[in-house]
Amino acid sequence: MQIRLSKQAHKELESIFALIAKDKPNVAKEFEKEFINFFELIASNPAIGKECEKKGIQSKYRVVVFRKNHLIIYKILFDRIFIRTIQNTKQFK
């Protein structure tokens, strides 16, 4: 399956990488690679995430934790995974 990011998710990723790169550019590049590897894990195991039960998020979305402090909210479509948003766990209440 292919991974597709929403515009919002793409902006969130860029923001995360830019924040880290200010002080540690090499760490930011490594973190980006880890995200890519994790997206590949989701693509090969689409049901890895838990069905999302948060109010305001449609029930067909799933959520998975990345490195303890980021939540990836995604939807399994016919031929791809659609990443809706990437949030810090502190934002997700």
Foldseek 3Di string as FASTA:
>chain_A
DAEAEDPAAVVVLVVVLVVCCVVPNVVSVVVVVLVVVVQVVCFVVVVPFDQDDDPPDDRQWGWDDDPNFKIWIWHDDDNYIYTYHIHTPVVPD
